[in-house]
Amino acid sequence: ENLNVIATFDGEALVGTSYQHPLYDRKSEVIAGGDYITTESGTGLVHTAPGHGQEDYLTGLKYGLELLSPVDDVGKFTTEAGSSTVVGDDFVGMSVLGEGNIAVIEALEKAGALIRAEDYGHKYPYDWRTKKPTIFRATAQWFASVEGFRDAALDAVETVKWIPDVGKNRIKSFVESRGD
């Protein structure tokens, strides 16, 4: 690998500048990430995905970044991944941990935007049952205060045939003690 060094500067000098995404028709601002980014564990230059992890989510809130989560319930790219100017919608339906990852690397190579690709041991949390990495996703959620309908909910618990019976005690205890 024979690369020419054009300039040398601290990463801090990039903060506030913008760059063109190599696969999509969008520009993004370079931001300063959190304390979780170090040069001891990689380059110190990372992407931030506010829809995929607590630290990135908090960084996204701090800088007003769009919340994208283009991965479905089974770990495949969705149409939210957008239409790439290089490969179109080819990523949709691909596993983000398998063929999708390979396809992204190939698309970056095709776009002339990849200097080097190498395996890197990320510190992902793993599912203890499957031994596979856990994919964090921001999803729409709703919450309800049970204060307004606690008694009605407890009455409804009594009308259900619970299988197994222990389920009744668990939900009843939950509704009775739920503090909102």
Protein backbone atom coordinates (compact mmCIF):
# COMPACT_ATOMS: atom_id res chain seq x y z
CA GLU A 1 0.00 0.00 0.00
CA ASN A 2 1.63 3.15 -1.21
CA LEU A 3 -0.28 6.20 0.01
CA ASN A 4 0.77 9.82 -0.25
CA VAL A 5 0.35 11.93 2.90
CA ILE A 6 -1.17 15.23 1.79
CA ALA A 7 -1.53 16.82 5.23
CA THR A 8 -1.30 15.99 8.92
CA PHE A 9 -3.52 17.54 11.59
CA ASP A 10 -5.39 16.77 14.78
CA GLY A 11 -8.82 15.20 14.36
CA GLU A 12 -10.26 18.13 16.30
CA ALA A 13 -9.58 20.29 13.23
CA LEU A 14 -12.20 18.28 11.29
CA VAL A 15 -15.04 18.99 13.73
CA GLY A 16 -17.62 21.21 12.06
CA THR A 17 -16.55 20.33 8.52
CA SER A 18 -18.73 18.17 6.30
CA TYR A 19 -18.21 15.21 4.04
CA GLN A 20 -20.07 13.56 1.19
CA HIS A 21 -21.33 10.04 1.94
CA PRO A 22 -19.63 7.69 -0.53
CA LEU A 23 -22.78 5.66 -1.29
CA TYR A 24 -25.71 8.01 -0.70
CA ASP A 25 -26.60 11.47 -1.90
CA ARG A 26 -26.18 13.20 1.46
CA LYS A 27 -23.66 15.30 3.30
CA SER A 28 -22.94 14.92 6.99
CA GLU A 29 -21.15 17.07 9.53
CA VAL A 30 -18.07 15.81 11.33
CA ILE A 31 -18.80 15.84 15.06
CA ALA A 32 -16.83 15.09 18.22
CA GLY A 33 -18.06 11.83 19.69
CA GLY A 34 -18.13 10.83 23.32
CA ASP A 35 -15.64 9.36 25.75
CA TYR A 36 -16.43 5.90 24.39
CA ILE A 37 -14.27 6.63 21.33
CA THR A 38 -10.57 6.08 21.87
CA THR A 39 -7.48 5.48 19.79
CA GLU A 40 -6.68 2.48 22.01
CA SER A 41 -9.59 0.61 20.44
CA GLY A 42 -9.43 1.53 16.76
CA THR A 43 -8.56 4.72 14.91
CA GLY A 44 -10.60 7.19 16.93
CA LEU A 45 -12.47 8.10 13.73
CA VAL A 46 -15.83 6.32 13.75
CA HIS A 47 -19.30 6.57 12.32
CA THR A 48 -22.15 7.38 14.67
CA ALA A 49 -25.43 5.48 14.33
CA PRO A 50 -28.00 7.08 16.68
CA GLY A 51 -30.50 4.32 15.91
CA HIS A 52 -28.14 1.55 17.04
CA GLY A 53 -26.83 1.92 20.57
CA GLN A 54 -27.13 4.06 23.66
CA GLU A 55 -23.87 6.00 23.31
CA ASP A 56 -24.53 6.80 19.66
CA TYR A 57 -28.13 7.72 20.51
CA LEU A 58 -26.98 10.23 23.15
CA THR A 59 -24.39 11.66 20.73
CA GLY A 60 -27.17 11.98 18.14
CA LEU A 61 -29.36 13.87 20.60
CA LYS A 62 -26.49 16.20 21.47
CA TYR A 63 -25.92 17.11 17.81
CA GLY A 64 -29.49 16.81 16.51
CA LEU A 65 -28.69 13.88 14.22
CA GLU A 66 -31.44 12.07 12.34
CA LEU A 67 -32.48 8.81 13.96
CA LEU A 68 -32.03 6.09 11.34
CA SER A 69 -32.53 2.41 12.13
CA PRO A 70 -32.48 0.59 8.79
CA VAL A 71 -32.45 -2.93 10.25
CA ASP A 72 -35.51 -5.14 10.74
CA ASP A 73 -36.42 -7.61 13.50
CA VAL A 74 -34.31 -10.37 11.97
CA GLY A 75 -31.19 -8.28 11.33
CA LYS A 76 -31.68 -7.44 7.66
CA PHE A 77 -31.42 -4.09 5.88
CA THR A 78 -34.78 -2.37 5.30
CA THR A 79 -35.83 0.17 2.69
CA GLU A 80 -35.00 2.81 5.33
CA ALA A 81 -31.38 2.13 4.36
CA GLY A 82 -32.27 4.32 1.39
CA SER A 83 -31.42 4.12 -2.24
CA SER A 84 -27.70 4.15 -2.81
CA THR A 85 -26.42 6.17 -5.73
CA VAL A 86 -23.92 3.32 -6.29
CA VAL A 87 -25.94 0.11 -5.83
CA GLY A 88 -29.57 1.24 -5.75
CA ASP A 89 -31.67 -0.79 -3.31
CA ASP A 90 -29.45 -3.89 -3.50
CA PHE A 91 -28.81 -3.91 0.29
CA VAL A 92 -32.49 -4.36 1.18
CA GLY A 93 -33.12 -7.82 2.67
CA MET A 94 -29.46 -8.62 3.25
CA SER A 95 -28.22 -9.68 6.70
CA VAL A 96 -26.25 -6.82 8.27
CA LEU A 97 -23.87 -9.34 9.88
CA GLY A 98 -23.45 -11.47 6.76
CA GLU A 99 -23.88 -10.79 3.07
CA GLY A 100 -24.99 -7.19 3.74
CA ASN A 101 -21.65 -6.36 5.33
CA ILE A 102 -19.81 -7.90 2.37
CA ALA A 103 -22.02 -6.02 -0.11
CA VAL A 104 -21.33 -2.68 1.62
CA ILE A 105 -17.58 -3.30 1.43
CA GLU A 106 -17.88 -4.17 -2.26
CA ALA A 107 -19.95 -1.03 -2.91
CA LEU A 108 -17.35 1.13 -1.16
CA GLU A 109 -14.64 -0.45 -3.32
CA LYS A 110 -16.72 0.16 -6.47
CA ALA A 111 -17.18 3.80 -5.46
CA GLY A 112 -13.41 4.17 -4.96
CA ALA A 113 -14.06 5.12 -1.33
CA LEU A 114 -12.34 2.26 0.49
CA ILE A 115 -8.65 2.50 1.26
CA ARG A 116 -8.43 -0.73 3.23
CA ALA A 117 -10.71 -3.40 4.68
CA GLU A 118 -9.67 -5.63 7.54
CA ASP A 119 -11.38 -7.70 10.18
CA TYR A 120 -11.69 -5.91 13.48
CA GLY A 121 -12.81 -7.48 16.73
CA HIS A 122 -15.57 -5.16 17.93
CA LYS A 123 -16.65 -5.34 21.55
CA TYR A 124 -20.27 -6.22 20.83
CA PRO A 125 -22.54 -7.63 23.48
CA TYR A 126 -23.41 -11.21 22.56
CA ASP A 127 -26.63 -13.14 23.12
CA TRP A 128 -25.85 -15.85 25.64
CA ARG A 129 -28.09 -18.39 23.88
CA THR A 130 -27.14 -17.95 20.23
CA LYS A 131 -23.59 -16.62 20.80
CA LYS A 132 -24.34 -14.03 18.09
CA PRO A 133 -23.83 -10.26 18.40
CA THR A 134 -26.79 -8.31 19.72
CA ILE A 135 -28.05 -5.64 17.31
CA PHE A 136 -29.44 -2.59 19.09
CA ARG A 137 -32.26 -0.78 17.28
CA ALA A 138 -34.23 2.32 18.13
CA THR A 139 -37.90 1.44 17.74
CA ALA A 140 -41.14 3.32 18.22
CA GLN A 141 -42.56 2.62 21.66
CA TRP A 142 -45.43 3.75 23.80
CA PHE A 143 -45.99 3.74 27.52
CA ALA A 144 -49.19 4.08 29.54
CA SER A 145 -49.68 5.09 33.12
CA VAL A 146 -51.81 2.40 34.78
CA GLU A 147 -53.05 4.88 37.40
CA GLY A 148 -56.11 5.69 35.32
CA PHE A 149 -57.14 2.07 34.72
CA ARG A 150 -55.43 -0.03 37.41
CA ASP A 151 -58.69 -1.30 38.95
CA ALA A 152 -60.18 -2.17 35.55
CA ALA A 153 -56.96 -3.98 34.60
CA LEU A 154 -57.02 -6.00 37.83
CA ASP A 155 -60.67 -6.92 37.20
CA ALA A 156 -59.76 -8.00 33.65
CA VAL A 157 -56.94 -10.22 34.98
CA GLU A 158 -59.58 -12.20 36.87
CA THR A 159 -61.55 -12.93 33.66
CA VAL A 160 -58.65 -14.60 31.82
CA LYS A 161 -57.87 -18.35 31.84
CA TRP A 162 -54.12 -18.31 32.52
CA ILE A 163 -51.92 -21.11 31.22
CA PRO A 164 -49.89 -21.76 33.24
CA ASP A 165 -51.68 -20.48 36.34
CA VAL A 166 -48.55 -18.74 37.62
CA GLY A 167 -48.96 -16.17 34.82
CA LYS A 168 -51.97 -14.72 36.61
CA ASN A 169 -50.00 -14.02 39.78
CA ARG A 170 -47.14 -12.45 37.84
CA ILE A 171 -49.32 -10.02 35.85
CA LYS A 172 -51.54 -9.25 38.84
CA SER A 173 -48.50 -8.41 40.99
CA PHE A 174 -47.10 -6.29 38.18
CA VAL A 175 -50.29 -4.26 37.75
CA GLU A 176 -50.80 -3.85 41.51
CA SER A 177 -47.27 -2.59 42.18
CA ARG A 178 -46.65 -0.63 39.00
CA GLY A 179 -45.64 2.89 39.94
CA ASP A 180 -46.08 5.57 37.29
